[in-house]
Amino acid sequence: MTHRTVLLGTLAVIATLLTGGISPAAQAQARKRVFIDQDGAALGTDMISTLAMLQSPDVEVLGITVTAGDAWVKAGTAHMLRMLELTGHGDVPVAAGAAFPLINSRDLATAWEAQYGEFSYKGAWNPSRYHEPTVVPTPPTGETTLKPIDLHGALFMIQQIRKYPGEVTLWVGGPFTSVALALGLDPEIASLAKELVLMGAGFNVDGGGNHRINGRREFNWWWDPEATRIAMSAPWKRIVITPVDISVKTSLGDDVKRRLAASSSPAAQFITRYHPVGQGAGYMWDEISVLAFLDPSLITRQQQLFVNIDISHGAGYGQTIFVEDVVPGTPIRPRTMPSWWRVATVQWDLNLPKFYDHFVELMSRTRARQ
């Protein structure tokens, strides 16, 4: 190779860098790889948070598993596919995941309520909208022409994490049932994943949980406590939790809705159509988890804790349990805990104006994945 060839090659590289001529393949490689596990209420935080992840130019969504929770899995899968269809993300593969909790059930929940108090929210078991799991009501967003892939969600999760070892963030916005099934089939996925990021659990808040007087019993974890114990005991490299405590500080209010209504993007118009101004404001449970993953500077206070769930079938069933990861009153010294206790980063507070600005910017993107 001549000096002239080397010089020309060097100049070509410099020119490429100066002109921003990065190949699509290189751009894709630079994006964060994410696998989404979500339950599937037709509207609200499940769909909007998933859409926020899809809208990010910094993320490559490898696929989505829909797990029963807010809705039965068949209905939730239909809801997810319809949202993707309406917002221009129909190329993202979706797999139906777990249909039922491992042990918890409608009958068990009813028996628990008779002893310990009423739940304010029970997801697919809610009496006001209950239907048989095999029934798929027409989504309020309309019927979808898309179909899920012919692979169970737990297997799809395993496939994608193994395809990119050490690179995949598993983001969970619903119950852990599909994750628990995947871990049962392939325990190594916890160590092969980059991290586990989730919305779930409740700590010191008295509201926001699904039990009327106890915010530590949060719906995503309560729906399938045994699956939560399995998932939270696995050896993930890193766990990040967005709990009820921080979720209830947000609201999809009219100010944010008006800003979204001014955008012509399919994502913004999806929210405008199904969450119009004046309809009321809901907490942005899962959206915080997504946006904090995309921009960690949104979180202004967080803490390292050992976190898990109570699976004793008594008054504490489904309640978040936690322990500080250092011994209070001593120099920084990690606690020694049984192996099923894992340390997680728990988010306590956020820069609210910055969060809303980032949310509006994401949803206003016309071309999400360029």
Foldseek 3Di string as FASTA:
>chain_A
DDPVVVVVVVVVVVVCVVVVVDDPVVQQVQAFEEEEEFAADLDDQRQLQVLLQLQAQRYDYQAYEHEAFLAFQVQRQQSNCLSCVLQVNNVHAYAYEYRAAPPDDLVLQVVQCVPAHDFQDGRCSPPVDHDDNVDHPARPSGGHPHDHDPDYPLVSLVVVLVVQFLRYEYEYEAAQRSVLVNCVVPVCSQNRHNEYFYEEADDPDQDQARGNGRQQQHRRCQRHVVSQLSVLLRDHPAYAYEYSQAQVVDKPAQVLLVLLVVAPASLSVVCCVVPNHPPGIDGNRSNVRSVCVVPVQQFDDKAKKFKGADCDSHNRHRGIDIDHQADPPDPGDGDDDPSSTDIHIYGNYGDHVVSSVSSSVSSRDNDRHD
